[in-house]
């Protein structure tokens, strides 16, 4: 009897990842529509920061900032694995040596 309980606990631990990822695996990918492109980032400008609106799931209607790699334009549909974490704002560029 006690052996069975221990085995079920081990199985439960193996199933889930971190605390926040549990609900994500159940839902799958969530669609979001790109409202605007905010800027380019990364060392070579390969990352585009966009403002997108979530179309389904528990955060439906929420507008959030995300980083996207690859070509993206307004009204594109993104499939987001998670909708909890928002990207940080891009910092202002300071040109060193300028006299302004």
PDB file of N, CA and C in Angstrom:
ATOM      1  N   UNK A   1       0.825  -1.196   0.000  1.00  0.00           N
ATOM      2  CA  UNK A   1       0.000   0.000   0.000  1.00  0.00           C
ATOM      3  C   UNK A   1       0.869   1.259   0.000  1.00  0.00           C
ATOM      4  N   UNK A   2       1.855   1.293   0.876  1.00  0.00           N
ATOM      5  CA  UNK A   2       2.733   2.460   0.959  1.00  0.00           C
ATOM      6  C   UNK A   2       3.594   2.587  -0.292  1.00  0.00           C
ATOM      7  N   UNK A   3       3.950   1.449  -0.886  1.00  0.00           N
ATOM      8  CA  UNK A   3       4.757   1.462  -2.104  1.00  0.00           C
ATOM      9  C   UNK A   3       4.003   2.132  -3.254  1.00  0.00           C
ATOM     10  N   UNK A   4       2.719   1.855  -3.347  1.00  0.00           N
ATOM     11  CA  UNK A   4       1.886   2.421  -4.412  1.00  0.00           C
ATOM     12  C   UNK A   4       1.810   3.942  -4.305  1.00  0.00           C
ATOM     13  N   UNK A   5       1.685   4.457  -3.098  1.00  0.00           N
ATOM     14  CA  UNK A   5       1.605   5.902  -2.883  1.00  0.00           C
ATOM     15  C   UNK A   5       2.903   6.585  -3.299  1.00  0.00           C
ATOM     16  N   UNK A   6       4.054   5.964  -2.941  1.00  0.00           N
ATOM     17  CA  UNK A   6       5.345   6.534  -3.302  1.00  0.00           C
ATOM     18  C   UNK A   6       5.509   6.591  -4.819  1.00  0.00           C
ATOM     19  N   UNK A   7       5.050   5.533  -5.509  1.00  0.00           N
ATOM     20  CA  UNK A   7       5.177   5.483  -6.964  1.00  0.00           C
ATOM     21  C   UNK A   7       4.332   6.568  -7.626  1.00  0.00           C
ATOM     22  N   UNK A   8       3.133   6.802  -7.134  1.00  0.00           N
ATOM     23  CA  UNK A   8       2.272   7.824  -7.731  1.00  0.00           C
ATOM     24  C   UNK A   8       2.851   9.224  -7.516  1.00  0.00           C
ATOM     25  N   UNK A   9       3.471   9.462  -6.360  1.00  0.00           N
ATOM     26  CA  UNK A   9       4.099  10.754  -6.099  1.00  0.00           C
ATOM     27  C   UNK A   9       5.263  10.993  -7.058  1.00  0.00           C
ATOM     28  N   UNK A  10       6.054   9.949  -7.296  1.00  0.00           N
ATOM     29  CA  UNK A  10       7.176  10.070  -8.225  1.00  0.00           C
ATOM     30  C   UNK A  10       6.684  10.368  -9.629  1.00  0.00           C
ATOM     31  N   UNK A  11       5.593   9.725 -10.042  1.00  0.00           N
ATOM     32  CA  UNK A  11       5.032   9.949 -11.372  1.00  0.00           C
ATOM     33  C   UNK A  11       4.531  11.383 -11.514  1.00  0.00           C
ATOM     34  N   UNK A  12       3.904  11.914 -10.473  1.00  0.00           N
ATOM     35  CA  UNK A  12       3.398  13.286 -10.503  1.00  0.00           C
ATOM     36  C   UNK A  12       4.544  14.283 -10.659  1.00  0.00           C
ATOM     37  N   UNK A  13       5.648  14.044  -9.955  1.00  0.00           N
ATOM     38  CA  UNK A  13       6.804  14.937 -10.034  1.00  0.00           C
ATOM     39  C   UNK A  13       7.416  14.923 -11.426  1.00  0.00           C
ATOM     40  N   UNK A  14       7.467  13.765 -12.051  1.00  0.00           N
ATOM     41  CA  UNK A  14       8.074  13.641 -13.370  1.00  0.00           C
ATOM     42  C   UNK A  14       7.232  14.322 -14.440  1.00  0.00           C
ATOM     43  N   UNK A  15       5.935  14.371 -14.290  1.00  0.00           N
ATOM     44  CA  UNK A  15       5.044  14.959 -15.298  1.00  0.00           C
ATOM     45  C   UNK A  15       5.283  16.454 -15.460  1.00  0.00           C
ATOM     46  N   UNK A  16       5.196  17.208 -14.376  1.00  0.00           N
ATOM     47  CA  UNK A  16       5.241  18.664 -14.456  1.00  0.00           C
ATOM     48  C   UNK A  16       6.648  19.216 -14.452  1.00  0.00           C
ATOM     49  N   UNK A  17       6.823  20.380 -15.086  1.00  0.00           N
ATOM     50  CA  UNK A  17       8.102  21.069 -15.052  1.00  0.00           C
ATOM     51  C   UNK A  17       8.069  22.069 -13.915  1.00  0.00           C
ATOM     52  N   UNK A  18       8.293  23.323 -14.241  1.00  0.00           N
ATOM     53  CA  UNK A  18       8.240  24.360 -13.226  1.00  0.00           C
ATOM     54  C   UNK A  18       6.784  24.709 -12.929  1.00  0.00           C
ATOM     55  N   UNK A  19       6.580  25.498 -11.906  1.00  0.00           N
ATOM     56  CA  UNK A  19       5.229  25.829 -11.455  1.00  0.00           C
ATOM     57  C   UNK A  19       4.408  26.535 -12.539  1.00  0.00           C
ATOM     58  N   UNK A  20       5.029  27.455 -13.268  1.00  0.00           N
ATOM     59  CA  UNK A  20       4.316  28.228 -14.276  1.00  0.00           C
ATOM     60  C   UNK A  20       4.056  27.471 -15.557  1.00  0.00           C
ATOM     61  N   UNK A  21       4.814  26.417 -15.829  1.00  0.00           N
ATOM     62  CA  UNK A  21       4.678  25.718 -17.103  1.00  0.00           C
ATOM     63  C   UNK A  21       3.544  24.696 -17.112  1.00  0.00           C
ATOM     64  N   UNK A  22       2.967  24.404 -15.968  1.00  0.00           N
ATOM     65  CA  UNK A  22       1.915  23.394 -15.901  1.00  0.00           C
ATOM     66  C   UNK A  22       0.719  23.761 -16.758  1.00  0.00           C
ATOM     67  N   UNK A  23       0.237  24.994 -16.635  1.00  0.00           N
ATOM     68  CA  UNK A  23      -0.942  25.399 -17.374  1.00  0.00           C
ATOM     69  C   UNK A  23      -0.644  25.571 -18.854  1.00  0.00           C
ATOM     70  N   UNK A  24       0.614  25.837 -19.202  1.00  0.00           N
ATOM     71  CA  UNK A  24       0.973  26.079 -20.592  1.00  0.00           C
ATOM     72  C   UNK A  24       0.906  24.809 -21.417  1.00  0.00           C
ATOM     73  N   UNK A  25       1.319  23.696 -20.845  1.00  0.00           N
ATOM     74  CA  UNK A  25       1.298  22.444 -21.584  1.00  0.00           C
ATOM     75  C   UNK A  25      -0.140  21.986 -21.833  1.00  0.00           C
ATOM     76  N   UNK A  26      -1.047  22.307 -20.945  1.00  0.00           N
ATOM     77  CA  UNK A  26      -2.450  21.935 -21.123  1.00  0.00           C
ATOM     78  C   UNK A  26      -3.077  22.726 -22.266  1.00  0.00           C
ATOM     79  N   UNK A  27      -2.813  24.024 -22.312  1.00  0.00           N
ATOM     80  CA  UNK A  27      -3.429  24.883 -23.321  1.00  0.00           C
ATOM     81  C   UNK A  27      -2.788  24.724 -24.688  1.00  0.00           C
ATOM     82  N   UNK A  28      -1.475  24.553 -24.740  1.00  0.00           N
ATOM     83  CA  UNK A  28      -0.761  24.545 -26.001  1.00  0.00           C
ATOM     84  C   UNK A  28      -0.425  25.967 -26.397  1.00  0.00           C
ATOM     85  N   UNK A  29      -0.221  26.209 -27.687  1.00  0.00           N
ATOM     86  CA  UNK A  29       0.128  27.545 -28.163  1.00  0.00           C
ATOM     87  C   UNK A  29      -1.111  28.443 -28.206  1.00  0.00           C
ATOM     88  N   UNK A  30      -0.891  29.720 -27.919  1.00  0.00           N
ATOM     89  CA  UNK A  30      -1.983  30.702 -27.877  1.00  0.00           C
ATOM     90  C   UNK A  30      -1.762  31.724 -28.985  1.00  0.00           C
ATOM     91  N   UNK A  31      -2.770  31.978 -29.832  1.00  0.00           N
ATOM     92  CA  UNK A  31      -2.592  32.959 -30.908  1.00  0.00           C
ATOM     93  C   UNK A  31      -2.624  34.392 -30.400  1.00  0.00           C
ATOM     94  N   UNK A  32      -1.807  35.242 -31.017  1.00  0.00           N
ATOM     95  CA  UNK A  32      -1.785  36.675 -30.705  1.00  0.00           C
ATOM     96  C   UNK A  32      -1.559  37.430 -32.007  1.00  0.00           C
ATOM     97  N   UNK A  33      -2.204  38.572 -32.154  1.00  0.00           N
ATOM     98  CA  UNK A  33      -2.078  39.373 -33.373  1.00  0.00           C
ATOM     99  C   UNK A  33      -1.158  40.556 -33.114  1.00  0.00           C
ATOM    100  N   UNK A  34      -0.268  40.839 -34.061  1.00  0.00           N
ATOM    101  CA  UNK A  34       0.696  41.926 -33.925  1.00  0.00           C
ATOM    102  C   UNK A  34      -0.016  43.249 -34.189  1.00  0.00           C
ATOM    103  N   UNK A  35       0.038  44.153 -33.208  1.00  0.00           N
ATOM    104  CA  UNK A  35      -0.575  45.477 -33.337  1.00  0.00           C
ATOM    105  C   UNK A  35       0.410  46.501 -33.874  1.00  0.00           C
ATOM    106  N   UNK A  36       1.671  46.413 -33.456  1.00  0.00           N
ATOM    107  CA  UNK A  36       2.686  47.387 -33.882  1.00  0.00           C
ATOM    108  C   UNK A  36       4.075  46.827 -33.661  1.00  0.00           C
ATOM    109  N   UNK A  37       5.016  47.290 -34.471  1.00  0.00           N
ATOM    110  CA  UNK A  37       6.427  46.965 -34.238  1.00  0.00           C
ATOM    111  C   UNK A  37       7.051  48.138 -33.490  1.00  0.00           C
ATOM    112  N   UNK A  38       7.775  47.844 -32.414  1.00  0.00           N
ATOM    113  CA  UNK A  38       8.318  48.889 -31.549  1.00  0.00           C
ATOM    114  C   UNK A  38       9.784  49.188 -31.809  1.00  0.00           C
ATOM    115  N   UNK A  39      10.541  48.227 -32.287  1.00  0.00           N
ATOM    116  CA  UNK A  39      11.959  48.481 -32.526  1.00  0.00           C
ATOM    117  C   UNK A  39      12.711  47.207 -32.806  1.00  0.00           C
ATOM    118  N   UNK A  40      14.004  47.366 -33.092  1.00  0.00           N
ATOM    119  CA  UNK A  40      14.872  46.240 -33.378  1.00  0.00           C
ATOM    120  C   UNK A  40      15.899  46.098 -32.262  1.00  0.00           C
ATOM    121  N   UNK A  41      16.254  44.862 -31.962  1.00  0.00           N
ATOM    122  CA  UNK A  41      17.220  44.617 -30.898  1.00  0.00           C
ATOM    123  C   UNK A  41      18.154  43.496 -31.262  1.00  0.00           C
ATOM    124  N   UNK A  42      18.980  43.104 -30.322  1.00  0.00           N
ATOM    125  CA  UNK A  42      19.981  42.073 -30.570  1.00  0.00           C
ATOM    126  C   UNK A  42      21.262  42.710 -31.079  1.00  0.00           C
ATOM    127  N   UNK A  43      22.320  41.967 -31.091  1.00  0.00           N
ATOM    128  CA  UNK A  43      23.608  42.517 -31.502  1.00  0.00           C
ATOM    129  C   UNK A  43      23.626  42.886 -32.978  1.00  0.00           C
ATOM    130  N   UNK A  44      22.842  42.181 -33.781  1.00  0.00           N
ATOM    131  CA  UNK A  44      22.803  42.469 -35.218  1.00  0.00           C
ATOM    132  C   UNK A  44      21.441  42.968 -35.677  1.00  0.00           C
ATOM    133  N   UNK A  45      20.567  43.279 -34.753  1.00  0.00           N
ATOM    134  CA  UNK A  45      19.230  43.751 -35.120  1.00  0.00           C
ATOM    135  C   UNK A  45      18.315  42.641 -35.590  1.00  0.00           C
ATOM    136  N   UNK A  46      18.572  41.416 -35.157  1.00  0.00           N
ATOM    137  CA  UNK A  46      17.782  40.274 -35.620  1.00  0.00           C
ATOM    138  C   UNK A  46      16.486  40.082 -34.835  1.00  0.00           C
ATOM    139  N   UNK A  47      16.343  40.765 -33.718  1.00  0.00           N
ATOM    140  CA  UNK A  47      15.153  40.649 -32.873  1.00  0.00           C
ATOM    141  C   UNK A  47      14.265  41.875 -33.085  1.00  0.00           C
ATOM    142  N   UNK A  48      12.968  41.646 -33.270  1.00  0.00           N
ATOM    143  CA  UNK A  48      12.006  42.731 -33.405  1.00  0.00           C
ATOM    144  C   UNK A  48      11.111  42.729 -32.181  1.00  0.00           C
ATOM    145  N   UNK A  49      10.975  43.868 -31.544  1.00  0.00           N
ATOM    146  CA  UNK A  49      10.063  43.968 -30.410  1.00  0.00           C
ATOM    147  C   UNK A  49       8.713  44.449 -30.933  1.00  0.00           C
ATOM    148  N   UNK A  50       7.649  43.701 -30.602  1.00  0.00           N
ATOM    149  CA  UNK A  50       6.311  44.007 -31.109  1.00  0.00           C
ATOM    150  C   UNK A  50       5.319  44.134 -29.964  1.00  0.00           C
ATOM    151  N   UNK A  51       4.243  44.850 -30.213  1.00  0.00           N
ATOM    152  CA  UNK A  51       3.111  44.928 -29.294  1.00  0.00           C
ATOM    153  C   UNK A  51       2.059  44.000 -29.869  1.00  0.00           C
ATOM    154  N   UNK A  52       1.614  43.001 -29.111  1.00  0.00           N
ATOM    155  CA  UNK A  52       0.633  42.058 -29.640  1.00  0.00           C
ATOM    156  C   UNK A  52      -0.536  41.899 -28.669  1.00  0.00           C
ATOM    157  N   UNK A  53      -1.679  41.523 -29.238  1.00  0.00           N
ATOM    158  CA  UNK A  53      -2.906  41.331 -28.461  1.00  0.00           C
ATOM    159  C   UNK A  53      -3.256  39.849 -28.476  1.00  0.00           C
ATOM    160  N   UNK A  54      -3.461  39.276 -27.298  1.00  0.00           N
ATOM    161  CA  UNK A  54      -3.733  37.849 -27.167  1.00  0.00           C
ATOM    162  C   UNK A  54      -5.193  37.585 -27.536  1.00  0.00           C
ATOM    163  N   UNK A  55      -5.410  36.547 -28.360  1.00  0.00           N
ATOM    164  CA  UNK A  55      -6.745  36.273 -28.900  1.00  0.00           C
ATOM    165  C   UNK A  55      -7.507  35.187 -28.151  1.00  0.00           C
ATOM    166  N   UNK A  56      -6.812  34.285 -27.452  1.00  0.00           N
ATOM    167  CA  UNK A  56      -7.478  33.196 -26.738  1.00  0.00           C
ATOM    168  C   UNK A  56      -6.822  32.958 -25.392  1.00  0.00           C
ATOM    169  N   UNK A  57      -7.440  32.102 -24.598  1.00  0.00           N
ATOM    170  CA  UNK A  57      -6.860  31.707 -23.315  1.00  0.00           C
ATOM    171  C   UNK A  57      -7.287  32.614 -22.178  1.00  0.00           C
ATOM    172  N   UNK A  58      -6.646  32.408 -21.027  1.00  0.00           N
ATOM    173  CA  UNK A  58      -7.051  33.156 -19.831  1.00  0.00           C
ATOM    174  C   UNK A  58      -6.654  34.627 -19.897  1.00  0.00           C
ATOM    175  N   UNK A  59      -5.646  34.971 -20.695  1.00  0.00           N
ATOM    176  CA  UNK A  59      -5.221  36.369 -20.846  1.00  0.00           C
ATOM    177  C   UNK A  59      -5.797  37.015 -22.103  1.00  0.00           C
ATOM    178  N   UNK A  60      -6.915  36.523 -22.579  1.00  0.00           N
ATOM    179  CA  UNK A  60      -7.538  37.025 -23.807  1.00  0.00           C
ATOM    180  C   UNK A  60      -7.803  38.531 -23.714  1.00  0.00           C
ATOM    181  N   UNK A  61      -7.415  39.256 -24.766  1.00  0.00           N
ATOM    182  CA  UNK A  61      -7.615  40.697 -24.799  1.00  0.00           C
ATOM    183  C   UNK A  61      -6.458  41.490 -24.224  1.00  0.00           C
ATOM    184  N   UNK A  62      -5.532  40.829 -23.560  1.00  0.00           N
ATOM    185  CA  UNK A  62      -4.380  41.504 -22.967  1.00  0.00           C
ATOM    186  C   UNK A  62      -3.399  41.902 -24.064  1.00  0.00           C
ATOM    187  N   UNK A  63      -2.913  43.123 -23.997  1.00  0.00           N
ATOM    188  CA  UNK A  63      -1.925  43.608 -24.951  1.00  0.00           C
ATOM    189  C   UNK A  63      -0.565  43.592 -24.267  1.00  0.00           C
ATOM    190  N   UNK A  64       0.405  42.963 -24.906  1.00  0.00           N
ATOM    191  CA  UNK A  64       1.713  42.832 -24.282  1.00  0.00           C
ATOM    192  C   UNK A  64       2.843  42.988 -25.289  1.00  0.00           C
ATOM    193  N   UNK A  65       4.034  43.248 -24.757  1.00  0.00           N
ATOM    194  CA  UNK A  65       5.240  43.447 -25.556  1.00  0.00           C
ATOM    195  C   UNK A  65       5.993  42.123 -25.618  1.00  0.00           C
ATOM    196  N   UNK A  66       6.398  41.723 -26.837  1.00  0.00           N
ATOM    197  CA  UNK A  66       7.136  40.469 -27.011  1.00  0.00           C
ATOM    198  C   UNK A  66       8.296  40.659 -27.969  1.00  0.00           C
ATOM    199  N   UNK A  67       9.323  39.840 -27.826  1.00  0.00           N
ATOM    200  CA  UNK A  67      10.449  39.827 -28.748  1.00  0.00           C
ATOM    201  C   UNK A  67      10.238  38.701 -29.741  1.00  0.00           C
ATOM    202  N   UNK A  68      10.424  39.004 -31.029  1.00  0.00           N
ATOM    203  CA  UNK A  68      10.186  38.035 -32.094  1.00  0.00           C
ATOM    204  C   UNK A  68      11.432  37.940 -32.956  1.00  0.00           C
ATOM    205  N   UNK A  69      11.781  36.735 -33.321  1.00  0.00           N
ATOM    206  CA  UNK A  69      12.904  36.543 -34.220  1.00  0.00           C
ATOM    207  C   UNK A  69      12.367  36.131 -35.582  1.00  0.00           C
ATOM    208  N   UNK A  70      12.844  36.792 -36.612  1.00  0.00           N
ATOM    209  CA  UNK A  70      12.395  36.490 -37.962  1.00  0.00           C
ATOM    210  C   UNK A  70      11.508  37.601 -38.496  1.00  0.00           C
ATOM    211  N   UNK A  71      11.090  37.459 -39.750  1.00  0.00           N
ATOM    212  CA  UNK A  71      10.279  38.516 -40.363  1.00  0.00           C
ATOM    213  C   UNK A  71       8.899  38.604 -39.721  1.00  0.00           C
ATOM    214  N   UNK A  72       8.478  39.818 -39.390  1.00  0.00           N
ATOM    215  CA  UNK A  72       7.160  40.026 -38.789  1.00  0.00           C
ATOM    216  C   UNK A  72       6.667  41.415 -39.185  1.00  0.00           C
ATOM    217  N   UNK A  73       5.364  41.522 -39.402  1.00  0.00           N
ATOM    218  CA  UNK A  73       4.770  42.812 -39.743  1.00  0.00           C
ATOM    219  C   UNK A  73       3.427  42.934 -39.036  1.00  0.00           C
ATOM    220  N   UNK A  74       2.810  44.096 -39.162  1.00  0.00           N
ATOM    221  CA  UNK A  74       1.527  44.363 -38.524  1.00  0.00           C
ATOM    222  C   UNK A  74       0.467  43.390 -39.054  1.00  0.00           C
ATOM    223  N   UNK A  75      -0.428  42.951 -38.173  1.00  0.00           N
ATOM    224  CA  UNK A  75      -1.534  42.032 -38.450  1.00  0.00           C
ATOM    225  C   UNK A  75      -1.087  40.581 -38.670  1.00  0.00           C
ATOM    226  N   UNK A  76       0.175  40.245 -38.366  1.00  0.00           N
ATOM    227  CA  UNK A  76       0.622  38.847 -38.387  1.00  0.00           C
ATOM    228  C   UNK A  76       0.095  38.142 -37.145  1.00  0.00           C
ATOM    229  N   UNK A  77      -0.077  36.836 -37.232  1.00  0.00           N
ATOM    230  CA  UNK A  77      -0.499  36.033 -36.091  1.00  0.00           C
ATOM    231  C   UNK A  77       0.719  35.310 -35.526  1.00  0.00           C
ATOM    232  N   UNK A  78       0.962  35.510 -34.231  1.00  0.00           N
ATOM    233  CA  UNK A  78       2.032  34.800 -33.528  1.00  0.00           C
ATOM    234  C   UNK A  78       1.411  33.692 -32.701  1.00  0.00           C
ATOM    235  N   UNK A  79       2.070  32.559 -32.618  1.00  0.00           N
ATOM    236  CA  UNK A  79       1.622  31.488 -31.736  1.00  0.00           C
ATOM    237  C   UNK A  79       2.567  31.484 -30.535  1.00  0.00           C
ATOM    238  N   UNK A  80       2.063  31.926 -29.388  1.00  0.00           N
ATOM    239  CA  UNK A  80       2.873  32.082 -28.184  1.00  0.00           C
ATOM    240  C   UNK A  80       2.765  30.836 -27.318  1.00  0.00           C
ATOM    241  N   UNK A  81       3.903  30.355 -26.853  1.00  0.00           N
ATOM    242  CA  UNK A  81       3.917  29.211 -25.942  1.00  0.00           C
ATOM    243  C   UNK A  81       3.454  29.612 -24.553  1.00  0.00           C
ATOM    244  N   UNK A  82       3.752  30.836 -24.159  1.00  0.00           N
ATOM    245  CA  UNK A  82       3.320  31.317 -22.849  1.00  0.00           C
ATOM    246  C   UNK A  82       2.926  32.783 -22.948  1.00  0.00           C
ATOM    247  N   UNK A  83       2.000  33.182 -22.087  1.00  0.00           N
ATOM    248  CA  UNK A  83       1.458  34.541 -22.142  1.00  0.00           C
ATOM    249  C   UNK A  83       1.622  35.278 -20.819  1.00  0.00           C
ATOM    250  N   UNK A  84       2.453  34.754 -19.936  1.00  0.00           N
ATOM    251  CA  UNK A  84       2.641  35.368 -18.626  1.00  0.00           C
ATOM    252  C   UNK A  84       3.761  36.406 -18.631  1.00  0.00           C
ATOM    253  N   UNK A  85       4.842  36.116 -19.339  1.00  0.00           N
ATOM    254  CA  UNK A  85       6.045  36.945 -19.275  1.00  0.00           C
ATOM    255  C   UNK A  85       6.055  37.951 -20.414  1.00  0.00           C
ATOM    256  N   UNK A  86       6.272  39.210 -20.068  1.00  0.00           N
ATOM    257  CA  UNK A  86       6.343  40.281 -21.056  1.00  0.00           C
ATOM    258  C   UNK A  86       7.799  40.692 -21.234  1.00  0.00           C
ATOM    259  N   UNK A  87       8.166  41.077 -22.459  1.00  0.00           N
ATOM    260  CA  UNK A  87       9.541  41.498 -22.746  1.00  0.00           C
ATOM    261  C   UNK A  87       9.812  42.855 -22.111  1.00  0.00           C
ATOM    262  N   UNK A  88      11.082  43.078 -21.721  1.00  0.00           N
ATOM    263  CA  UNK A  88      11.475  44.375 -21.170  1.00  0.00           C
ATOM    264  C   UNK A  88      11.500  45.419 -22.273  1.00  0.00           C
ATOM    265  N   UNK A  89      11.277  46.667 -21.893  1.00  0.00           N
ATOM    266  CA  UNK A  89      11.336  47.751 -22.860  1.00  0.00           C
ATOM    267  C   UNK A  89      12.751  47.904 -23.379  1.00  0.00           C
ATOM    268  N   UNK A  90      12.857  48.315 -24.628  1.00  0.00           N
ATOM    269  CA  UNK A  90      14.169  48.558 -25.207  1.00  0.00           C
ATOM    270  C   UNK A  90      14.688  49.892 -24.692  1.00  0.00           C
ATOM    271  N   UNK A  91      15.945  49.900 -24.277  1.00  0.00           N
ATOM    272  CA  UNK A  91      16.538  51.115 -23.730  1.00  0.00           C
ATOM    273  C   UNK A  91      16.874  52.128 -24.808  1.00  0.00           C
ATOM    274  N   UNK A  92      17.032  53.373 -24.387  1.00  0.00           N
ATOM    275  CA  UNK A  92      17.436  54.408 -25.323  1.00  0.00           C
ATOM    276  C   UNK A  92      18.886  54.184 -25.705  1.00  0.00           C
ATOM    277  N   UNK A  93      19.210  54.480 -26.939  1.00  0.00           N
ATOM    278  CA  UNK A  93      20.599  54.386 -27.375  1.00  0.00           C
ATOM    279  C   UNK A  93      21.301  55.682 -27.065  1.00  0.00           C
ATOM    280  N   UNK A  94      22.439  55.583 -26.409  1.00  0.00           N
ATOM    281  CA  UNK A  94      23.241  56.748 -26.085  1.00  0.00           C
ATOM    282  C   UNK A  94      24.482  56.702 -26.946  1.00  0.00           C
ATOM    283  N   UNK A  95      24.658  57.724 -27.773  1.00  0.00           N
ATOM    284  CA  UNK A  95      25.849  57.792 -28.615  1.00  0.00           C
ATOM    285  C   UNK A  95      26.978  58.413 -27.821  1.00  0.00           C
ATOM    286  N   UNK A  96      27.996  57.653 -27.551  1.00  0.00           N
ATOM    287  CA  UNK A  96      29.124  58.167 -26.788  1.00  0.00           C
ATOM    288  C   UNK A  96      29.961  59.075 -27.664  1.00  0.00           C
ATOM    289  N   UNK A  97      30.404  60.141 -27.087  1.00  0.00           N
ATOM    290  CA  UNK A  97      31.247  61.070 -27.817  1.00  0.00           C
ATOM    291  C   UNK A  97      30.483  62.150 -28.539  1.00  0.00           C
ATOM    292  N   UNK A  98      29.147  62.090 -28.502  1.00  0.00           N
ATOM    293  CA  UNK A  98      28.383  63.154 -29.172  1.00  0.00           C
ATOM    294  C   UNK A  98      28.341  64.378 -28.270  1.00  0.00           C
ATOM    295  N   UNK A  99      28.228  65.529 -28.855  1.00  0.00           N
ATOM    296  CA  UNK A  99      28.276  66.776 -28.105  1.00  0.00           C
ATOM    297  C   UNK A  99      26.882  67.358 -27.848  1.00  0.00           C
ATOM    298  N   UNK A 100      25.851  66.544 -27.982  1.00  0.00           N
ATOM    299  CA  UNK A 100      24.477  67.023 -27.752  1.00  0.00           C
ATOM    300  C   UNK A 100      24.090  66.984 -26.307  1.00  0.00           C
TER     301      UNK A 100
END
